[in-house]
Amino acid sequence: MGPAAGDGPDAPPDDDTLRPPPPPVRLTPQLACNPQTGMAVLWYIAEHAPELRRWIVVNPRADAALLEYIAQAGGPGVNRALTILLDGLR
């Protein structure tokens, strides 16, 4: 038996193949501190954009593991951001 009708290289494309891919995500301070930003993106920022780590500190979605990583990795403004966060918790 051959392929089903509509299968194969001559079949018309489905809706998914007609859509362009999403644009790349720009790593910005707004993205780093946005509570809607997913944890995978926050971890990516923490690992690859040290200049944005301080902005993750103010993100309410950032969990203890991510904040610990940022504290250990450091970066511009990280110590100050962590100090402000911890002072606010007292």
N, C-alpha and C. Protein backbone atom coordinates (compact mmCIF):
# COMPACT_ATOMS: atom_id res chain seq x y z
N MET A 1 0.82 -1.17 0.00
CA MET A 1 0.00 0.00 0.00
C MET A 1 0.87 1.25 0.00
N GLY A 2 0.54 2.26 -0.77
CA GLY A 2 1.31 3.49 -0.88
C GLY A 2 0.94 4.47 0.20
N PRO A 3 1.55 5.63 0.15
CA PRO A 3 1.26 6.65 1.15
C PRO A 3 -0.18 7.14 1.02
N ALA A 4 -0.72 7.62 2.11
CA ALA A 4 -2.09 8.14 2.12
C ALA A 4 -2.15 9.40 1.28
N ALA A 5 -3.33 9.68 0.77
CA ALA A 5 -3.52 10.89 -0.03
C ALA A 5 -3.16 12.10 0.81
N GLY A 6 -2.47 13.02 0.22
CA GLY A 6 -2.07 14.23 0.93
C GLY A 6 -0.72 14.13 1.60
N ASP A 7 -0.09 12.94 1.59
CA ASP A 7 1.24 12.77 2.16
C ASP A 7 2.27 12.85 1.04
N GLY A 8 3.50 13.06 1.40
CA GLY A 8 4.58 13.05 0.43
C GLY A 8 5.02 14.45 0.04
N PRO A 9 6.05 14.51 -0.80
CA PRO A 9 6.64 15.81 -1.15
C PRO A 9 5.73 16.69 -1.98
N ASP A 10 4.74 16.11 -2.67
CA ASP A 10 3.85 16.91 -3.52
C ASP A 10 2.60 17.37 -2.78
N ALA A 11 2.47 16.99 -1.51
CA ALA A 11 1.29 17.37 -0.74
C ALA A 11 1.34 18.86 -0.43
N PRO A 12 0.19 19.51 -0.35
CA PRO A 12 0.20 20.94 0.01
C PRO A 12 0.69 21.11 1.44
N PRO A 13 1.39 22.21 1.73
CA PRO A 13 1.90 22.43 3.09
C PRO A 13 0.75 22.64 4.06
N ASP A 14 0.96 22.20 5.30
CA ASP A 14 -0.06 22.46 6.31
C ASP A 14 0.15 23.86 6.88
N ASP A 15 -0.76 24.29 7.73
CA ASP A 15 -0.70 25.66 8.27
C ASP A 15 0.59 25.96 9.01
N ASP A 16 1.15 24.96 9.71
CA ASP A 16 2.36 25.20 10.50
C ASP A 16 3.56 25.54 9.62
N THR A 17 3.63 24.96 8.44
CA THR A 17 4.78 25.24 7.58
C THR A 17 4.66 26.58 6.88
N LEU A 18 3.47 27.17 6.88
CA LEU A 18 3.28 28.47 6.24
C LEU A 18 3.59 29.63 7.17
N ARG A 19 3.69 29.37 8.46
CA ARG A 19 3.96 30.44 9.42
C ARG A 19 5.47 30.66 9.54
N PRO A 20 5.88 31.92 9.61
CA PRO A 20 7.32 32.16 9.83
C PRO A 20 7.68 31.80 11.26
N PRO A 21 8.95 31.51 11.50
CA PRO A 21 9.37 31.21 12.88
C PRO A 21 9.25 32.47 13.73
N PRO A 22 9.13 32.31 15.05
CA PRO A 22 9.07 33.49 15.91
C PRO A 22 10.41 34.23 15.86
N PRO A 23 10.37 35.54 16.06
CA PRO A 23 11.64 36.29 16.05
C PRO A 23 12.48 35.88 17.25
N PRO A 24 13.79 36.06 17.15
CA PRO A 24 14.64 35.74 18.30
C PRO A 24 14.30 36.66 19.47
N VAL A 25 14.47 36.14 20.65
CA VAL A 25 14.19 36.92 21.86
C VAL A 25 15.37 37.84 22.11
N ARG A 26 15.09 39.13 22.28
CA ARG A 26 16.14 40.09 22.62
C ARG A 26 16.28 40.10 24.13
N LEU A 27 17.50 39.95 24.58
CA LEU A 27 17.78 39.94 26.01
C LEU A 27 17.91 41.39 26.49
N THR A 28 16.94 41.83 27.26
CA THR A 28 16.88 43.21 27.74
C THR A 28 16.60 43.23 29.24
N PRO A 29 16.85 44.36 29.90
CA PRO A 29 16.47 44.47 31.31
C PRO A 29 14.97 44.23 31.53
N GLN A 30 14.15 44.70 30.59
CA GLN A 30 12.70 44.51 30.72
C GLN A 30 12.34 43.03 30.72
N LEU A 31 12.99 42.25 29.87
CA LEU A 31 12.73 40.81 29.82
C LEU A 31 13.20 40.14 31.11
N ALA A 32 14.36 40.55 31.60
CA ALA A 32 14.94 39.94 32.80
C ALA A 32 14.10 40.19 34.05
N CYS A 33 13.44 41.33 34.15
CA CYS A 33 12.67 41.62 35.37
C CYS A 33 11.17 41.39 35.20
N ASN A 34 10.74 40.94 34.04
CA ASN A 34 9.32 40.70 33.78
C ASN A 34 8.87 39.38 34.43
N PRO A 35 7.87 39.41 35.31
CA PRO A 35 7.42 38.17 35.96
C PRO A 35 6.81 37.16 34.98
N GLN A 36 6.49 37.59 33.78
CA GLN A 36 5.94 36.68 32.77
C GLN A 36 7.03 35.90 32.04
N THR A 37 8.28 36.30 32.21
CA THR A 37 9.39 35.60 31.56
C THR A 37 9.57 34.23 32.20
N GLY A 38 9.67 33.21 31.38
CA GLY A 38 9.80 31.84 31.87
C GLY A 38 11.15 31.58 32.53
N MET A 39 11.16 30.59 33.39
CA MET A 39 12.39 30.25 34.12
C MET A 39 13.52 29.84 33.18
N ALA A 40 13.21 29.14 32.10
CA ALA A 40 14.27 28.73 31.17
C ALA A 40 14.96 29.95 30.57
N VAL A 41 14.19 30.99 30.26
CA VAL A 41 14.77 32.22 29.71
C VAL A 41 15.57 32.94 30.79
N LEU A 42 15.05 32.98 32.00
CA LEU A 42 15.80 33.63 33.09
C LEU A 42 17.13 32.94 33.34
N TRP A 43 17.13 31.61 33.32
CA TRP A 43 18.39 30.88 33.49
C TRP A 43 19.34 31.17 32.33
N TYR A 44 18.81 31.24 31.13
CA TYR A 44 19.65 31.54 29.97
C TYR A 44 20.30 32.92 30.14
N ILE A 45 19.49 33.90 30.54
CA ILE A 45 20.03 35.24 30.76
C ILE A 45 21.11 35.20 31.84
N ALA A 46 20.83 34.52 32.94
CA ALA A 46 21.79 34.44 34.05
C ALA A 46 23.11 33.82 33.60
N GLU A 47 23.03 32.83 32.75
CA GLU A 47 24.24 32.13 32.31
C GLU A 47 24.98 32.85 31.19
N HIS A 48 24.28 33.61 30.36
CA HIS A 48 24.91 34.16 29.15
C HIS A 48 24.96 35.68 29.08
N ALA A 49 24.29 36.38 29.98
CA ALA A 49 24.27 37.85 29.92
C ALA A 49 24.53 38.43 31.31
N PRO A 50 25.79 38.40 31.76
CA PRO A 50 26.09 38.86 33.12
C PRO A 50 25.64 40.30 33.39
N GLU A 51 25.59 41.13 32.37
CA GLU A 51 25.18 42.52 32.56
C GLU A 51 23.69 42.64 32.91
N LEU A 52 22.93 41.56 32.72
CA LEU A 52 21.49 41.59 33.03
C LEU A 52 21.13 40.85 34.31
N ARG A 53 22.12 40.25 34.97
CA ARG A 53 21.83 39.47 36.17
C ARG A 53 21.16 40.31 37.26
N ARG A 54 21.59 41.54 37.43
CA ARG A 54 21.01 42.39 38.48
C ARG A 54 19.51 42.58 38.29
N TRP A 55 19.06 42.54 37.02
CA TRP A 55 17.64 42.73 36.75
C TRP A 55 16.84 41.48 37.10
N ILE A 56 17.44 40.32 37.03
CA ILE A 56 16.75 39.08 37.42
C ILE A 56 16.48 39.10 38.92
N VAL A 57 17.38 39.70 39.69
CA VAL A 57 17.23 39.75 41.15
C VAL A 57 15.89 40.38 41.54
N VAL A 58 15.42 41.36 40.80
CA VAL A 58 14.15 42.02 41.14
C VAL A 58 12.94 41.30 40.57
N ASN A 59 13.14 40.23 39.83
CA ASN A 59 12.03 39.49 39.24
C ASN A 59 11.41 38.58 40.30
N PRO A 60 10.12 38.73 40.61
CA PRO A 60 9.51 37.88 41.63
C PRO A 60 9.48 36.40 41.26
N ARG A 61 9.67 36.08 40.00
CA ARG A 61 9.69 34.68 39.57
C ARG A 61 11.03 34.00 39.89
N ALA A 62 12.07 34.78 40.09
CA ALA A 62 13.40 34.20 40.36
C ALA A 62 13.36 33.42 41.67
N ASP A 63 13.71 32.15 41.59
CA ASP A 63 13.68 31.31 42.79
C ASP A 63 15.04 31.32 43.49
N ALA A 64 15.10 30.62 44.62
CA ALA A 64 16.32 30.62 45.44
C ALA A 64 17.52 30.07 44.67
N ALA A 65 17.32 29.03 43.87
CA ALA A 65 18.44 28.44 43.12
C ALA A 65 19.00 29.43 42.11
N LEU A 66 18.13 30.14 41.44
CA LEU A 66 18.58 31.13 40.45
C LEU A 66 19.30 32.28 41.14
N LEU A 67 18.74 32.76 42.24
CA LEU A 67 19.40 33.85 42.98
C LEU A 67 20.74 33.41 43.54
N GLU A 68 20.84 32.18 43.98
CA GLU A 68 22.12 31.65 44.48
C GLU A 68 23.15 31.62 43.35
N TYR A 69 22.73 31.16 42.18
CA TYR A 69 23.64 31.13 41.03
C TYR A 69 24.13 32.55 40.71
N ILE A 70 23.20 33.49 40.68
CA ILE A 70 23.56 34.87 40.36
C ILE A 70 24.51 35.43 41.42
N ALA A 71 24.24 35.13 42.69
CA ALA A 71 25.12 35.61 43.77
C ALA A 71 26.53 35.05 43.60
N GLN A 72 26.65 33.79 43.23
CA GLN A 72 27.96 33.17 43.04
C GLN A 72 28.65 33.65 41.77
N ALA A 73 27.89 33.84 40.70
CA ALA A 73 28.47 34.23 39.41
C ALA A 73 28.84 35.71 39.39
N GLY A 74 28.09 36.53 40.12
CA GLY A 74 28.37 37.96 40.15
C GLY A 74 28.00 38.65 38.85
N GLY A 75 28.53 39.84 38.70
CA GLY A 75 28.26 40.64 37.51
C GLY A 75 28.02 42.07 37.92
N PRO A 76 27.96 42.97 36.93
CA PRO A 76 27.77 44.38 37.23
C PRO A 76 26.47 44.64 38.00
N GLY A 77 26.59 45.25 39.17
CA GLY A 77 25.43 45.64 39.96
C GLY A 77 24.76 44.52 40.74
N VAL A 78 25.28 43.31 40.67
CA VAL A 78 24.63 42.17 41.34
C VAL A 78 24.68 42.33 42.86
N ASN A 79 25.83 42.66 43.41
CA ASN A 79 25.93 42.80 44.88
C ASN A 79 24.96 43.85 45.40
N ARG A 80 24.88 44.96 44.72
CA ARG A 80 23.97 46.04 45.13
C ARG A 80 22.52 45.58 45.06
N ALA A 81 22.15 44.91 43.96
CA ALA A 81 20.77 44.43 43.81
C ALA A 81 20.41 43.42 44.89
N LEU A 82 21.33 42.51 45.19
CA LEU A 82 21.07 41.52 46.24
C LEU A 82 20.98 42.17 47.61
N THR A 83 21.82 43.17 47.87
CA THR A 83 21.76 43.89 49.15
C THR A 83 20.41 44.57 49.32
N ILE A 84 19.94 45.23 48.27
CA ILE A 84 18.63 45.90 48.33
C ILE A 84 17.52 44.88 48.57
N LEU A 85 17.58 43.75 47.86
CA LEU A 85 16.58 42.70 48.03
C LEU A 85 16.56 42.18 49.47
N LEU A 86 17.73 41.86 50.00
CA LEU A 86 17.81 41.30 51.35
C LEU A 86 17.42 42.32 52.41
N ASP A 87 17.80 43.59 52.22
CA ASP A 87 17.39 44.64 53.16
C ASP A 87 15.87 44.79 53.17
N GLY A 88 15.26 44.61 52.02
CA GLY A 88 13.80 44.72 51.93
C GLY A 88 13.07 43.58 52.60
N LEU A 89 13.75 42.46 52.79
CA LEU A 89 13.13 41.30 53.43
C LEU A 89 13.21 41.35 54.95
N ARG A 90 14.01 42.26 55.48
CA ARG A 90 14.18 42.36 56.94
C ARG A 90 13.07 43.11 57.58
